[in-house]
Amino acid sequence: MIRHDTKSGQRKHWHVECGWLGSMALRENGGAVLVMDDGFHSFDFDTQTTTPISEPEAGEGALSFNDCKVDRRGRLIAGSMHIDCTEAAGGLCRLDPDLTCTKLDGDYICANGPCWGPDNQILYVADSYAGEIHAYDYDLATGQARNRRLFVSMSGDDVVPDGMT
């Protein structure tokens, strides 16, 4: 991992020993949650050590975790993907601040770019290789995502919804 401070120009590097890093979220009390190929890991920047938290897709086949975002209540929402991007076997998981992990939905080829509307009531998630963005009704109080529906469908070889912010 590399951190670049644009004001000072300083860079810091950290070596992550375990697996492929898809995304990360900083923790309020220091460290980070890493979204790795096999699930969620805690990372200590001082010692450069990782500790497994949860492997929610263990035993589900050729899956890897990918992108994540954190909601306004501190819950991390992460998507998984089929490694070969050929099957709708990936899903959407939520990691709560108490480190409880819940699977929210499935049937994604590559769940990517989770983000919320301005009022936090709609969660948007791209399925990059399907060329779709889905919308869910999102309950910020509970972290539940319900009523999945197609928000937009894109076509063309050069169109891939990815990394929404």
N, C-alpha and C. Protein backbone atom coordinates (compact mmCIF):
# COMPACT_ATOMS: atom_id res chain seq x y z
N MET A 1 0.85 -1.16 0.00
CA MET A 1 0.00 0.00 0.00
C MET A 1 0.90 1.23 0.00
N ILE A 2 0.42 2.27 -0.66
CA ILE A 2 1.17 3.52 -0.71
C ILE A 2 0.24 4.66 -0.32
N ARG A 3 0.75 5.54 0.54
CA ARG A 3 0.01 6.76 0.90
C ARG A 3 0.84 7.94 0.44
N HIS A 4 0.21 8.83 -0.31
CA HIS A 4 0.90 10.03 -0.78
C HIS A 4 0.19 11.25 -0.22
N ASP A 5 0.92 12.08 0.51
CA ASP A 5 0.39 13.32 1.06
C ASP A 5 0.64 14.42 0.03
N THR A 6 -0.42 14.92 -0.59
CA THR A 6 -0.26 15.89 -1.66
C THR A 6 0.27 17.23 -1.17
N LYS A 7 0.02 17.58 0.09
CA LYS A 7 0.52 18.85 0.62
C LYS A 7 2.01 18.81 0.88
N SER A 8 2.47 17.75 1.56
CA SER A 8 3.88 17.67 1.93
C SER A 8 4.73 16.95 0.89
N GLY A 9 4.09 16.17 0.03
CA GLY A 9 4.83 15.38 -0.95
C GLY A 9 5.40 14.09 -0.37
N GLN A 10 5.14 13.84 0.92
CA GLN A 10 5.66 12.63 1.56
C GLN A 10 4.89 11.39 1.11
N ARG A 11 5.64 10.29 1.02
CA ARG A 11 5.04 9.00 0.70
C ARG A 11 5.41 7.99 1.77
N LYS A 12 4.44 7.13 2.07
CA LYS A 12 4.68 6.01 2.98
C LYS A 12 4.29 4.74 2.27
N HIS A 13 5.03 3.68 2.54
CA HIS A 13 4.77 2.37 1.93
C HIS A 13 4.56 1.35 3.03
N TRP A 14 3.61 0.46 2.81
CA TRP A 14 3.38 -0.67 3.71
C TRP A 14 3.30 -1.93 2.87
N HIS A 15 3.93 -2.98 3.37
CA HIS A 15 3.88 -4.26 2.67
C HIS A 15 2.79 -5.12 3.29
N VAL A 16 1.91 -5.64 2.45
CA VAL A 16 0.84 -6.52 2.91
C VAL A 16 1.18 -7.93 2.48
N GLU A 17 1.34 -8.81 3.45
CA GLU A 17 1.81 -10.18 3.19
C GLU A 17 0.76 -11.12 2.61
N CYS A 18 -0.50 -10.92 2.94
CA CYS A 18 -1.47 -11.99 2.64
C CYS A 18 -2.41 -11.61 1.50
N GLY A 19 -2.26 -12.24 0.36
CA GLY A 19 -3.25 -12.14 -0.69
C GLY A 19 -3.28 -10.86 -1.49
N TRP A 20 -4.35 -10.73 -2.25
CA TRP A 20 -4.58 -9.62 -3.15
C TRP A 20 -5.45 -8.58 -2.47
N LEU A 21 -5.02 -7.33 -2.47
CA LEU A 21 -5.76 -6.24 -1.84
C LEU A 21 -6.69 -5.59 -2.85
N GLY A 22 -8.00 -5.67 -2.58
CA GLY A 22 -8.99 -5.07 -3.46
C GLY A 22 -9.29 -3.63 -3.08
N SER A 23 -9.45 -3.38 -1.78
CA SER A 23 -9.75 -2.03 -1.29
C SER A 23 -9.52 -2.00 0.21
N MET A 24 -9.69 -0.84 0.80
CA MET A 24 -9.48 -0.71 2.24
C MET A 24 -10.31 0.44 2.80
N ALA A 25 -10.48 0.41 4.12
CA ALA A 25 -11.16 1.50 4.82
C ALA A 25 -10.40 1.77 6.11
N LEU A 26 -10.15 3.03 6.39
CA LEU A 26 -9.46 3.39 7.63
C LEU A 26 -10.39 3.21 8.81
N ARG A 27 -9.81 2.80 9.95
CA ARG A 27 -10.60 2.62 11.17
C ARG A 27 -10.48 3.86 12.04
N GLU A 28 -11.55 4.19 12.72
CA GLU A 28 -11.59 5.39 13.55
C GLU A 28 -10.49 5.41 14.62
N ASN A 29 -10.19 4.25 15.20
CA ASN A 29 -9.21 4.18 16.28
C ASN A 29 -7.84 3.70 15.80
N GLY A 30 -7.55 3.86 14.53
CA GLY A 30 -6.26 3.48 13.97
C GLY A 30 -6.33 2.18 13.21
N GLY A 31 -5.39 2.03 12.30
CA GLY A 31 -5.37 0.84 11.47
C GLY A 31 -6.38 0.92 10.35
N ALA A 32 -6.61 -0.21 9.72
CA ALA A 32 -7.52 -0.26 8.58
C ALA A 32 -8.16 -1.63 8.49
N VAL A 33 -9.27 -1.69 7.78
CA VAL A 33 -9.85 -2.96 7.37
C VAL A 33 -9.46 -3.12 5.91
N LEU A 34 -8.79 -4.23 5.61
CA LEU A 34 -8.41 -4.54 4.24
C LEU A 34 -9.42 -5.50 3.66
N VAL A 35 -9.86 -5.21 2.46
CA VAL A 35 -10.75 -6.12 1.74
C VAL A 35 -9.84 -6.88 0.78
N MET A 36 -9.53 -8.11 1.18
CA MET A 36 -8.59 -8.95 0.44
C MET A 36 -9.36 -9.94 -0.42
N ASP A 37 -8.63 -10.71 -1.21
CA ASP A 37 -9.29 -11.68 -2.07
C ASP A 37 -10.13 -12.67 -1.27
N ASP A 38 -9.71 -13.03 -0.06
CA ASP A 38 -10.44 -14.04 0.72
C ASP A 38 -11.39 -13.46 1.77
N GLY A 39 -11.45 -12.15 1.91
CA GLY A 39 -12.36 -11.56 2.89
C GLY A 39 -11.76 -10.35 3.58
N PHE A 40 -12.14 -10.15 4.83
CA PHE A 40 -11.78 -8.95 5.58
C PHE A 40 -10.64 -9.23 6.56
N HIS A 41 -9.68 -8.30 6.61
CA HIS A 41 -8.54 -8.42 7.51
C HIS A 41 -8.32 -7.07 8.18
N SER A 42 -7.87 -7.12 9.42
CA SER A 42 -7.46 -5.92 10.14
C SER A 42 -5.99 -5.68 9.83
N PHE A 43 -5.60 -4.42 9.65
CA PHE A 43 -4.20 -4.10 9.36
C PHE A 43 -3.69 -3.07 10.35
N ASP A 44 -2.52 -3.33 10.91
CA ASP A 44 -1.85 -2.41 11.83
C ASP A 44 -0.73 -1.73 11.05
N PHE A 45 -0.82 -0.41 10.86
CA PHE A 45 0.18 0.31 10.09
C PHE A 45 1.54 0.31 10.76
N ASP A 46 1.58 0.31 12.09
CA ASP A 46 2.87 0.35 12.80
C ASP A 46 3.64 -0.94 12.66
N THR A 47 2.97 -2.07 12.83
CA THR A 47 3.65 -3.37 12.78
C THR A 47 3.57 -4.03 11.41
N GLN A 48 2.76 -3.48 10.51
CA GLN A 48 2.53 -4.03 9.18
C GLN A 48 2.02 -5.47 9.23
N THR A 49 1.19 -5.75 10.22
CA THR A 49 0.63 -7.10 10.36
C THR A 49 -0.86 -7.09 10.03
N THR A 50 -1.31 -8.22 9.50
CA THR A 50 -2.72 -8.40 9.21
C THR A 50 -3.28 -9.50 10.10
N THR A 51 -4.53 -9.33 10.47
CA THR A 51 -5.25 -10.33 11.26
C THR A 51 -6.58 -10.60 10.57
N PRO A 52 -6.87 -11.87 10.24
CA PRO A 52 -8.15 -12.17 9.60
C PRO A 52 -9.34 -11.78 10.48
N ILE A 53 -10.37 -11.21 9.87
CA ILE A 53 -11.61 -10.87 10.57
C ILE A 53 -12.71 -11.84 10.17
N SER A 54 -12.92 -11.98 8.85
CA SER A 54 -14.01 -12.82 8.36
C SER A 54 -13.74 -13.22 6.92
N GLU A 55 -14.14 -14.44 6.58
CA GLU A 55 -14.07 -14.92 5.20
C GLU A 55 -15.49 -15.31 4.77
N PRO A 56 -16.32 -14.31 4.48
CA PRO A 56 -17.75 -14.58 4.24
C PRO A 56 -18.05 -15.42 3.01
N GLU A 57 -17.15 -15.47 2.05
CA GLU A 57 -17.39 -16.25 0.84
C GLU A 57 -16.61 -17.56 0.84
N ALA A 58 -16.04 -17.97 1.98
CA ALA A 58 -15.27 -19.21 2.06
C ALA A 58 -16.12 -20.39 1.62
N GLY A 59 -15.54 -21.24 0.80
CA GLY A 59 -16.26 -22.40 0.32
C GLY A 59 -17.23 -22.13 -0.81
N GLU A 60 -17.27 -20.90 -1.29
CA GLU A 60 -18.23 -20.53 -2.35
C GLU A 60 -17.65 -20.66 -3.75
N GLY A 61 -16.43 -21.18 -3.88
CA GLY A 61 -15.85 -21.35 -5.21
C GLY A 61 -14.83 -20.28 -5.53
N ALA A 62 -14.68 -19.99 -6.81
CA ALA A 62 -13.63 -19.09 -7.31
C ALA A 62 -14.05 -17.63 -7.18
N LEU A 63 -14.13 -17.15 -5.94
CA LEU A 63 -14.55 -15.77 -5.69
C LEU A 63 -13.42 -14.96 -5.06
N SER A 64 -13.46 -13.68 -5.29
CA SER A 64 -12.50 -12.76 -4.70
C SER A 64 -13.23 -11.47 -4.34
N PHE A 65 -12.85 -10.88 -3.20
CA PHE A 65 -13.45 -9.59 -2.85
C PHE A 65 -12.78 -8.49 -3.64
N ASN A 66 -13.50 -7.39 -3.81
CA ASN A 66 -13.11 -6.35 -4.73
C ASN A 66 -13.20 -4.98 -4.06
N ASP A 67 -14.23 -4.24 -4.32
CA ASP A 67 -14.36 -2.85 -3.91
C ASP A 67 -15.18 -2.71 -2.63
N CYS A 68 -15.00 -1.60 -1.91
CA CYS A 68 -15.79 -1.36 -0.70
C CYS A 68 -16.01 0.13 -0.48
N LYS A 69 -17.00 0.43 0.33
CA LYS A 69 -17.24 1.78 0.85
C LYS A 69 -17.80 1.63 2.25
N VAL A 70 -17.75 2.70 3.02
CA VAL A 70 -18.25 2.69 4.39
C VAL A 70 -19.46 3.62 4.46
N ASP A 71 -20.55 3.13 5.08
CA ASP A 71 -21.73 4.00 5.22
C ASP A 71 -21.51 4.97 6.38
N ARG A 72 -22.45 5.87 6.57
CA ARG A 72 -22.30 6.92 7.59
C ARG A 72 -22.40 6.42 9.02
N ARG A 73 -22.70 5.15 9.20
CA ARG A 73 -22.73 4.54 10.53
C ARG A 73 -21.52 3.63 10.77
N GLY A 74 -20.57 3.65 9.85
CA GLY A 74 -19.34 2.89 10.03
C GLY A 74 -19.39 1.45 9.56
N ARG A 75 -20.42 1.09 8.80
CA ARG A 75 -20.51 -0.27 8.26
C ARG A 75 -19.84 -0.31 6.89
N LEU A 76 -19.00 -1.31 6.70
CA LEU A 76 -18.30 -1.48 5.44
C LEU A 76 -19.12 -2.38 4.51
N ILE A 77 -19.38 -1.91 3.31
CA ILE A 77 -20.10 -2.69 2.31
C ILE A 77 -19.08 -3.06 1.23
N ALA A 78 -18.94 -4.36 0.98
CA ALA A 78 -17.95 -4.83 0.01
C ALA A 78 -18.58 -5.79 -0.98
N GLY A 79 -18.07 -5.76 -2.19
CA GLY A 79 -18.55 -6.65 -3.23
C GLY A 79 -17.52 -7.71 -3.55
N SER A 80 -18.02 -8.87 -3.97
CA SER A 80 -17.12 -9.92 -4.43
C SER A 80 -17.39 -10.21 -5.90
N MET A 81 -16.48 -10.95 -6.50
CA MET A 81 -16.56 -11.21 -7.92
C MET A 81 -16.08 -12.61 -8.23
N HIS A 82 -16.57 -13.16 -9.32
CA HIS A 82 -16.04 -14.43 -9.82
C HIS A 82 -14.67 -14.13 -10.42
N ILE A 83 -13.66 -14.92 -10.06
CA ILE A 83 -12.29 -14.63 -10.47
C ILE A 83 -12.14 -14.52 -11.98
N ASP A 84 -12.83 -15.37 -12.72
CA ASP A 84 -12.73 -15.32 -14.18
C ASP A 84 -13.76 -14.37 -14.81
N CYS A 85 -14.57 -13.75 -13.99
CA CYS A 85 -15.61 -12.82 -14.46
C CYS A 85 -16.53 -13.47 -15.49
N THR A 86 -16.86 -14.75 -15.23
CA THR A 86 -17.70 -15.49 -16.16
C THR A 86 -19.03 -15.93 -15.56
N GLU A 87 -19.15 -15.89 -14.23
CA GLU A 87 -20.38 -16.36 -13.58
C GLU A 87 -20.90 -15.30 -12.62
N ALA A 88 -22.20 -15.25 -12.47
CA ALA A 88 -22.83 -14.35 -11.49
C ALA A 88 -22.83 -15.04 -10.13
N ALA A 89 -21.61 -15.25 -9.59
CA ALA A 89 -21.45 -15.95 -8.32
C ALA A 89 -21.02 -15.02 -7.20
N GLY A 90 -20.70 -13.76 -7.52
CA GLY A 90 -20.27 -12.81 -6.51
C GLY A 90 -21.44 -12.25 -5.73
N GLY A 91 -21.11 -11.48 -4.71
CA GLY A 91 -22.17 -10.94 -3.87
C GLY A 91 -21.79 -9.63 -3.21
N LEU A 92 -22.61 -9.26 -2.26
CA LEU A 92 -22.46 -8.02 -1.51
C LEU A 92 -22.53 -8.37 -0.04
N CYS A 93 -21.52 -7.94 0.73
CA CYS A 93 -21.46 -8.24 2.17
C CYS A 93 -21.30 -6.96 2.97
N ARG A 94 -21.75 -7.02 4.21
CA ARG A 94 -21.65 -5.89 5.13
C ARG A 94 -20.83 -6.33 6.35
N LEU A 95 -19.82 -5.54 6.70
CA LEU A 95 -19.04 -5.75 7.91
C LEU A 95 -19.39 -4.63 8.88
N ASP A 96 -20.01 -4.99 10.00
CA ASP A 96 -20.43 -4.01 10.99
C ASP A 96 -19.26 -3.58 11.87
N PRO A 97 -19.36 -2.44 12.57
CA PRO A 97 -18.29 -2.00 13.45
C PRO A 97 -17.90 -3.02 14.52
N ASP A 98 -18.84 -3.89 14.93
CA ASP A 98 -18.50 -4.93 15.90
C ASP A 98 -17.90 -6.16 15.22
N LEU A 99 -17.61 -6.07 13.91
CA LEU A 99 -16.98 -7.09 13.08
C LEU A 99 -17.90 -8.26 12.73
N THR A 100 -19.20 -8.09 12.94
CA THR A 100 -20.18 -9.06 12.46
C THR A 100 -20.30 -8.90 10.95
N CYS A 101 -20.30 -10.01 10.24
CA CYS A 101 -20.39 -9.98 8.78
C CYS A 101 -21.71 -10.59 8.33
N THR A 102 -22.38 -9.91 7.39
CA THR A 102 -23.67 -10.35 6.88
C THR A 102 -23.66 -10.28 5.36
N LYS A 103 -24.10 -11.35 4.71
CA LYS A 103 -24.25 -11.32 3.25
C LYS A 103 -25.57 -10.62 2.92
N LEU A 104 -25.50 -9.59 2.08
CA LEU A 104 -26.67 -8.80 1.73
C LEU A 104 -27.36 -9.30 0.46
N ASP A 105 -26.57 -9.75 -0.52
CA ASP A 105 -27.15 -10.17 -1.79
C ASP A 105 -26.12 -10.94 -2.59
N GLY A 106 -26.57 -11.56 -3.67
CA GLY A 106 -25.71 -12.35 -4.55
C GLY A 106 -26.01 -12.08 -6.00
N ASP A 107 -25.58 -13.00 -6.84
CA ASP A 107 -25.84 -12.94 -8.29
C ASP A 107 -25.16 -11.76 -8.98
N TYR A 108 -23.92 -11.47 -8.61
CA TYR A 108 -23.11 -10.47 -9.29
C TYR A 108 -21.94 -11.17 -9.98
N ILE A 109 -21.61 -10.73 -11.18
CA ILE A 109 -20.37 -11.19 -11.81
C ILE A 109 -19.21 -10.48 -11.12
N CYS A 110 -19.34 -9.16 -10.98
CA CYS A 110 -18.31 -8.35 -10.32
C CYS A 110 -18.98 -7.17 -9.61
N ALA A 111 -19.33 -7.36 -8.34
CA ALA A 111 -19.94 -6.28 -7.55
C ALA A 111 -18.88 -5.21 -7.30
N ASN A 112 -19.20 -3.97 -7.65
CA ASN A 112 -18.19 -2.93 -7.69
C ASN A 112 -18.80 -1.57 -7.33
N GLY A 113 -17.98 -0.70 -6.76
CA GLY A 113 -18.34 0.69 -6.57
C GLY A 113 -19.56 0.98 -5.73
N PRO A 114 -19.75 0.31 -4.58
CA PRO A 114 -20.94 0.65 -3.79
C PRO A 114 -20.90 2.13 -3.37
N CYS A 115 -22.05 2.79 -3.44
CA CYS A 115 -22.15 4.18 -2.99
C CYS A 115 -23.61 4.51 -2.70
N TRP A 116 -23.83 5.59 -2.00
CA TRP A 116 -25.17 5.97 -1.56
C TRP A 116 -25.59 7.28 -2.20
N GLY A 117 -26.91 7.44 -2.33
CA GLY A 117 -27.46 8.72 -2.74
C GLY A 117 -27.28 9.73 -1.62
N PRO A 118 -27.51 11.01 -1.89
CA PRO A 118 -27.27 12.07 -0.91
C PRO A 118 -28.05 11.90 0.40
N ASP A 119 -29.21 11.27 0.35
CA ASP A 119 -30.01 11.10 1.57
C ASP A 119 -29.75 9.74 2.24
N ASN A 120 -28.80 8.96 1.73
CA ASN A 120 -28.43 7.64 2.28
C ASN A 120 -29.54 6.61 2.21
N GLN A 121 -30.59 6.86 1.46
CA GLN A 121 -31.70 5.91 1.39
C GLN A 121 -31.61 4.96 0.20
N ILE A 122 -30.72 5.25 -0.73
CA ILE A 122 -30.52 4.37 -1.89
C ILE A 122 -29.04 3.97 -1.93
N LEU A 123 -28.80 2.66 -2.02
CA LEU A 123 -27.46 2.11 -2.21
C LEU A 123 -27.34 1.70 -3.67
N TYR A 124 -26.30 2.17 -4.34
CA TYR A 124 -26.04 1.82 -5.73
C TYR A 124 -24.85 0.88 -5.78
N VAL A 125 -24.95 -0.17 -6.61
CA VAL A 125 -23.86 -1.13 -6.77
C VAL A 125 -23.76 -1.49 -8.25
N ALA A 126 -22.57 -1.37 -8.80
CA ALA A 126 -22.35 -1.75 -10.19
C ALA A 126 -22.05 -3.24 -10.29
N ASP A 127 -22.51 -3.85 -11.35
CA ASP A 127 -22.03 -5.17 -11.76
C ASP A 127 -21.24 -4.90 -13.03
N SER A 128 -19.93 -4.70 -12.86
CA SER A 128 -19.10 -4.19 -13.94
C SER A 128 -19.19 -5.00 -15.22
N TYR A 129 -19.07 -6.32 -15.11
CA TYR A 129 -19.03 -7.13 -16.32
C TYR A 129 -20.42 -7.40 -16.90
N ALA A 130 -21.45 -7.15 -16.16
CA ALA A 130 -22.81 -7.24 -16.70
C ALA A 130 -23.23 -5.92 -17.32
N GLY A 131 -22.45 -4.84 -17.07
CA GLY A 131 -22.79 -3.53 -17.62
C GLY A 131 -24.02 -2.93 -16.97
N GLU A 132 -24.20 -3.20 -15.68
CA GLU A 132 -25.40 -2.73 -14.98
C GLU A 132 -25.05 -2.04 -13.67
N ILE A 133 -25.92 -1.12 -13.29
CA ILE A 133 -25.88 -0.54 -11.94
C ILE A 133 -27.23 -0.81 -11.32
N HIS A 134 -27.19 -1.38 -10.11
CA HIS A 134 -28.42 -1.71 -9.39
C HIS A 134 -28.62 -0.72 -8.26
N ALA A 135 -29.86 -0.53 -7.88
CA ALA A 135 -30.22 0.32 -6.75
C ALA A 135 -30.95 -0.54 -5.72
N TYR A 136 -30.72 -0.25 -4.45
CA TYR A 136 -31.40 -0.90 -3.33
C TYR A 136 -32.00 0.17 -2.44
N ASP A 137 -33.10 -0.13 -1.79
CA ASP A 137 -33.57 0.69 -0.68
C ASP A 137 -32.63 0.37 0.47
N TYR A 138 -32.03 1.41 1.07
CA TYR A 138 -31.04 1.20 2.13
C TYR A 138 -31.54 1.81 3.43
N ASP A 139 -31.54 1.01 4.48
CA ASP A 139 -31.95 1.47 5.80
C ASP A 139 -30.68 1.80 6.58
N LEU A 140 -30.38 3.08 6.71
CA LEU A 140 -29.16 3.51 7.39
C LEU A 140 -29.15 3.09 8.86
N ALA A 141 -30.30 2.99 9.48
CA ALA A 141 -30.37 2.60 10.90
C ALA A 141 -29.94 1.14 11.10
N THR A 142 -30.26 0.27 10.15
CA THR A 142 -29.97 -1.16 10.33
C THR A 142 -28.90 -1.70 9.38
N GLY A 143 -28.61 -0.99 8.31
CA GLY A 143 -27.66 -1.47 7.32
C GLY A 143 -28.24 -2.50 6.36
N GLN A 144 -29.56 -2.63 6.34
CA GLN A 144 -30.20 -3.58 5.43
C GLN A 144 -30.38 -2.96 4.04
N ALA A 145 -30.12 -3.78 3.02
CA ALA A 145 -30.34 -3.37 1.63
C ALA A 145 -31.42 -4.28 1.06
N ARG A 146 -32.50 -3.68 0.59
CA ARG A 146 -33.63 -4.46 0.08
C ARG A 146 -34.12 -3.88 -1.25
N ASN A 147 -34.95 -4.67 -1.93
CA ASN A 147 -35.62 -4.23 -3.15
C ASN A 147 -34.62 -3.88 -4.26
N ARG A 148 -33.75 -4.84 -4.58
CA ARG A 148 -32.80 -4.64 -5.68
C ARG A 148 -33.56 -4.44 -6.98
N ARG A 149 -33.10 -3.44 -7.74
CA ARG A 149 -33.71 -3.16 -9.03
C ARG A 149 -32.65 -2.57 -9.95
N LEU A 150 -32.88 -2.72 -11.23
CA LEU A 150 -31.96 -2.19 -12.22
C LEU A 150 -32.11 -0.67 -12.28
N PHE A 151 -31.00 0.03 -12.10
CA PHE A 151 -30.99 1.49 -12.17
C PHE A 151 -30.61 1.94 -13.58
N VAL A 152 -29.57 1.31 -14.14
CA VAL A 152 -29.16 1.63 -15.51
C VAL A 152 -28.45 0.42 -16.10
N SER A 153 -28.64 0.23 -17.39
CA SER A 153 -27.97 -0.83 -18.13
C SER A 153 -27.15 -0.19 -19.24
N MET A 154 -25.91 -0.63 -19.38
CA MET A 154 -25.01 -0.07 -20.39
C MET A 154 -24.60 -1.18 -21.34
N SER A 155 -24.37 -0.83 -22.57
CA SER A 155 -23.90 -1.83 -23.52
C SER A 155 -22.74 -1.27 -24.32
N GLY A 156 -21.97 -2.16 -24.87
CA GLY A 156 -20.80 -1.78 -25.66
C GLY A 156 -19.54 -2.32 -25.02
N ASP A 157 -18.59 -2.69 -25.86
CA ASP A 157 -17.35 -3.28 -25.36
C ASP A 157 -16.51 -2.30 -24.55
N ASP A 158 -16.67 -1.02 -24.77
CA ASP A 158 -15.84 -0.03 -24.08
C ASP A 158 -16.57 0.64 -22.91
N VAL A 159 -17.69 0.08 -22.47
CA VAL A 159 -18.45 0.66 -21.36
C VAL A 159 -18.48 -0.32 -20.20
N VAL A 160 -17.86 0.08 -19.08
CA VAL A 160 -17.82 -0.76 -17.88
C VAL A 160 -18.07 0.13 -16.67
N PRO A 161 -19.21 -0.01 -15.99
CA PRO A 161 -19.43 0.78 -14.78
C PRO A 161 -18.47 0.32 -13.68
N ASP A 162 -17.76 1.27 -13.09
CA ASP A 162 -16.71 0.91 -12.14
C ASP A 162 -16.44 2.07 -11.20
N GLY A 163 -16.13 1.76 -9.96
CA GLY A 163 -15.61 2.72 -9.01
C GLY A 163 -16.41 3.98 -8.79
N MET A 164 -17.68 3.87 -8.47
CA MET A 164 -18.51 5.05 -8.23
C MET A 164 -18.11 5.71 -6.91
N THR A 165 -18.18 7.02 -6.87
CA THR A 165 -17.87 7.74 -5.64
C THR A 165 -18.95 8.78 -5.38
